[in-house]
Amino acid sequence: QVQLVESGGGLVQPGGSLNLSCANSGSAGTVYGMGWYRQGPEKQRELVATMSSGGYIKYGDFVEGRFTISGDSAKSTVYLQMDSLNPEATAVYYCLMALGYGGHRHDYWGQGTQVPVSS
């Protein structure tokens, strides 16, 4: 069983920072990629940042250098450092891992962590 456990969310003031983390506490598999998505109120889920096992990183257009993704494939752990947060960043942030077991690749999602940005 794969279980992605997220942490680090919570209320933050505009201009503040948060560091989200996500770890697979279940069966270890081959990590093909890890990343973060978010879904704001009445919005569609959108890509925040992803990184492949080969080190290729992609950010959503809105990031503009304010967020940094990092991770450790060997430990199936991914982080998202978010700086200069604004109210538009208010959303539920979801961790995503693409894991392989027995030659089959599957995408797994975390349960989501709330990030309200408000004064």
C-alpha atoms as a PDB file:
ATOM      1  CA  GLN A   1       0.000   0.000   0.000  1.00  0.00           C
ATOM      2  CA  VAL A   2       1.156   3.494  -0.843  1.00  0.00           C
ATOM      3  CA  GLN A   3       0.341   6.266   1.583  1.00  0.00           C
ATOM      4  CA  LEU A   4       1.520   9.782   0.900  1.00  0.00           C
ATOM      5  CA  VAL A   5       1.626  11.848   4.064  1.00  0.00           C
ATOM      6  CA  GLU A   6       1.749  15.610   3.683  1.00  0.00           C
ATOM      7  CA  SER A   7       2.643  18.148   6.326  1.00  0.00           C
ATOM      8  CA  GLY A   8       3.585  21.777   6.731  1.00  0.00           C
ATOM      9  CA  GLY A   9       0.370  23.483   5.711  1.00  0.00           C
ATOM     10  CA  GLY A  10      -1.455  26.073   7.754  1.00  0.00           C
ATOM     11  CA  LEU A  11      -2.440  29.712   7.994  1.00  0.00           C
ATOM     12  CA  VAL A  12       0.197  32.159   6.810  1.00  0.00           C
ATOM     13  CA  GLN A  13       0.163  35.911   6.426  1.00  0.00           C
ATOM     14  CA  PRO A  14       0.729  37.596   3.071  1.00  0.00           C
ATOM     15  CA  GLY A  15       4.439  37.813   2.387  1.00  0.00           C
ATOM     16  CA  GLY A  16       5.149  34.834   4.590  1.00  0.00           C
ATOM     17  CA  SER A  17       6.703  31.457   3.850  1.00  0.00           C
ATOM     18  CA  LEU A  18       5.817  27.811   4.265  1.00  0.00           C
ATOM     19  CA  ASN A  19       7.614  24.566   3.620  1.00  0.00           C
ATOM     20  CA  LEU A  20       5.461  21.617   2.634  1.00  0.00           C
ATOM     21  CA  SER A  21       6.687  18.069   2.778  1.00  0.00           C
ATOM     22  CA  CYS A  22       5.341  14.775   1.509  1.00  0.00           C
ATOM     23  CA  ALA A  23       6.622  11.298   2.209  1.00  0.00           C
ATOM     24  CA  ASN A  24       5.536   7.835   1.145  1.00  0.00           C
ATOM     25  CA  SER A  25       4.999   5.894   4.329  1.00  0.00           C
ATOM     26  CA  GLY A  26       3.922   2.772   2.484  1.00  0.00           C
ATOM     27  CA  SER A  27       5.597   0.351   0.135  1.00  0.00           C
ATOM     28  CA  ALA A  28       8.681   1.758  -1.526  1.00  0.00           C
ATOM     29  CA  GLY A  29       8.723   1.697  -5.313  1.00  0.00           C
ATOM     30  CA  THR A  30      10.662   3.124  -8.193  1.00  0.00           C
ATOM     31  CA  VAL A  31      10.201   6.883  -8.213  1.00  0.00           C
ATOM     32  CA  TYR A  32       9.625   8.266 -11.685  1.00  0.00           C
ATOM     33  CA  GLY A  33       8.597  11.714 -10.565  1.00  0.00           C
ATOM     34  CA  MET A  34       7.256  13.794  -7.690  1.00  0.00           C
ATOM     35  CA  GLY A  35       5.423  17.043  -7.506  1.00  0.00           C
ATOM     36  CA  TRP A  36       2.829  19.374  -6.140  1.00  0.00           C
ATOM     37  CA  TYR A  37      -0.537  20.572  -7.430  1.00  0.00           C
ATOM     38  CA  ARG A  38      -3.033  22.917  -5.865  1.00  0.00           C
ATOM     39  CA  GLN A  39      -6.731  23.647  -6.025  1.00  0.00           C
ATOM     40  CA  GLY A  40      -8.008  27.022  -4.920  1.00  0.00           C
ATOM     41  CA  PRO A  41     -11.600  27.821  -3.989  1.00  0.00           C
ATOM     42  CA  GLU A  42     -13.842  27.282  -7.021  1.00  0.00           C
ATOM     43  CA  LYS A  43     -10.806  26.687  -9.226  1.00  0.00           C
ATOM     44  CA  GLN A  44      -9.453  23.721 -11.123  1.00  0.00           C
ATOM     45  CA  ARG A  45      -6.472  21.801  -9.855  1.00  0.00           C
ATOM     46  CA  GLU A  46      -3.274  23.210 -11.326  1.00  0.00           C
ATOM     47  CA  LEU A  47       0.382  22.279 -11.459  1.00  0.00           C
ATOM     48  CA  VAL A  48       2.633  23.995  -8.950  1.00  0.00           C
ATOM     49  CA  ALA A  49       5.907  22.141  -9.488  1.00  0.00           C
ATOM     50  CA  THR A  50       7.150  18.739 -10.572  1.00  0.00           C
ATOM     51  CA  MET A  51      10.504  17.037 -10.697  1.00  0.00           C
ATOM     52  CA  SER A  52      11.489  13.888 -12.535  1.00  0.00           C
ATOM     53  CA  SER A  53      13.839  11.226 -11.243  1.00  0.00           C
ATOM     54  CA  GLY A  54      16.362  12.581 -13.721  1.00  0.00           C
ATOM     55  CA  GLY A  55      16.226  16.034 -12.152  1.00  0.00           C
ATOM     56  CA  TYR A  56      14.029  17.839 -14.701  1.00  0.00           C
ATOM     57  CA  ILE A  57      11.972  20.475 -12.895  1.00  0.00           C
ATOM     58  CA  LYS A  58       8.910  22.315 -14.110  1.00  0.00           C
ATOM     59  CA  TYR A  59       7.020  25.114 -12.381  1.00  0.00           C
ATOM     60  CA  GLY A  60       3.605  26.586 -12.971  1.00  0.00           C
ATOM     61  CA  ASP A  61       3.680  29.960 -14.730  1.00  0.00           C
ATOM     62  CA  PHE A  62       2.431  31.749 -11.630  1.00  0.00           C
ATOM     63  CA  VAL A  63       5.390  30.640  -9.485  1.00  0.00           C
ATOM     64  CA  GLU A  64       7.730  33.346 -10.817  1.00  0.00           C
ATOM     65  CA  GLY A  65      10.678  32.192  -8.736  1.00  0.00           C
ATOM     66  CA  ARG A  66       8.867  32.284  -5.399  1.00  0.00           C
ATOM     67  CA  PHE A  67       8.589  28.503  -4.898  1.00  0.00           C
ATOM     68  CA  THR A  68      11.286  25.827  -4.884  1.00  0.00           C
ATOM     69  CA  ILE A  69      10.733  22.095  -5.224  1.00  0.00           C
ATOM     70  CA  SER A  70      13.238  19.601  -3.916  1.00  0.00           C
ATOM     71  CA  GLY A  71      13.203  15.957  -3.012  1.00  0.00           C
ATOM     72  CA  ASP A  72      14.930  12.699  -2.347  1.00  0.00           C
ATOM     73  CA  SER A  73      13.858   9.859  -4.623  1.00  0.00           C
ATOM     74  CA  ALA A  74      15.635   7.285  -2.481  1.00  0.00           C
ATOM     75  CA  LYS A  75      13.459   8.304   0.448  1.00  0.00           C
ATOM     76  CA  SER A  76      10.330   9.008  -1.636  1.00  0.00           C
ATOM     77  CA  THR A  77      10.142  12.459  -0.120  1.00  0.00           C
ATOM     78  CA  VAL A  78       9.373  15.756  -1.811  1.00  0.00           C
ATOM     79  CA  TYR A  79       9.339  19.303  -0.472  1.00  0.00           C
ATOM     80  CA  LEU A  80       7.934  22.622  -1.593  1.00  0.00           C
ATOM     81  CA  GLN A  81       9.404  25.819  -0.199  1.00  0.00           C
ATOM     82  CA  MET A  82       6.992  28.694  -0.756  1.00  0.00           C
ATOM     83  CA  ASP A  83       8.092  32.282  -0.222  1.00  0.00           C
ATOM     84  CA  SER A  84       6.407  35.655  -0.691  1.00  0.00           C
ATOM     85  CA  LEU A  85       2.990  34.083  -0.453  1.00  0.00           C
ATOM     86  CA  ASN A  86       0.009  36.145  -1.524  1.00  0.00           C
ATOM     87  CA  PRO A  87      -3.720  35.546  -0.948  1.00  0.00           C
ATOM     88  CA  GLU A  88      -4.018  34.068  -4.461  1.00  0.00           C
ATOM     89  CA  ALA A  89      -1.923  31.161  -3.196  1.00  0.00           C
ATOM     90  CA  THR A  90      -4.765  30.096  -0.902  1.00  0.00           C
ATOM     91  CA  ALA A  91      -5.525  26.518  -1.867  1.00  0.00           C
ATOM     92  CA  VAL A  92      -5.364  22.887  -0.922  1.00  0.00           C
ATOM     93  CA  TYR A  93      -1.944  21.605  -1.931  1.00  0.00           C
ATOM     94  CA  TYR A  94      -1.660  18.018  -3.107  1.00  0.00           C
ATOM     95  CA  CYS A  95       1.425  15.877  -3.364  1.00  0.00           C
ATOM     96  CA  LEU A  96       1.776  13.595  -6.397  1.00  0.00           C
ATOM     97  CA  MET A  97       4.186  10.723  -6.869  1.00  0.00           C
ATOM     98  CA  ALA A  98       4.638   8.579  -9.937  1.00  0.00           C
ATOM     99  CA  LEU A  99       5.767   5.222  -8.607  1.00  0.00           C
ATOM    100  CA  GLY A 100       6.584   1.960 -10.277  1.00  0.00           C
ATOM    101  CA  TYR A 101       5.912  -1.512  -8.923  1.00  0.00           C
ATOM    102  CA  GLY A 102       6.662  -4.680 -10.835  1.00  0.00           C
ATOM    103  CA  GLY A 103       7.201  -2.750 -14.035  1.00  0.00           C
ATOM    104  CA  HIS A 104       3.903  -0.882 -13.783  1.00  0.00           C
ATOM    105  CA  ARG A 105       3.759   2.848 -13.176  1.00  0.00           C
ATOM    106  CA  HIS A 106       0.977   4.504 -11.222  1.00  0.00           C
ATOM    107  CA  ASP A 107       0.254   8.018 -10.015  1.00  0.00           C
ATOM    108  CA  TYR A 108      -0.531   8.448  -6.336  1.00  0.00           C
ATOM    109  CA  TRP A 109      -1.993  11.505  -4.617  1.00  0.00           C
ATOM    110  CA  GLY A 110      -1.727  12.732  -1.071  1.00  0.00           C
ATOM    111  CA  GLN A 111      -4.794  13.746   0.910  1.00  0.00           C
ATOM    112  CA  GLY A 112      -4.044  17.446   0.558  1.00  0.00           C
ATOM    113  CA  THR A 113      -2.945  20.097   3.003  1.00  0.00           C
ATOM    114  CA  GLN A 114      -4.700  23.440   3.461  1.00  0.00           C
ATOM    115  CA  VAL A 115      -2.769  26.649   2.922  1.00  0.00           C
ATOM    116  CA  PRO A 116      -4.827  29.747   3.701  1.00  0.00           C
ATOM    117  CA  VAL A 117      -2.972  33.004   3.072  1.00  0.00           C
ATOM    118  CA  SER A 118      -4.632  35.787   4.991  1.00  0.00           C
ATOM    119  CA  SER A 119      -3.955  38.606   7.404  1.00  0.00           C
END
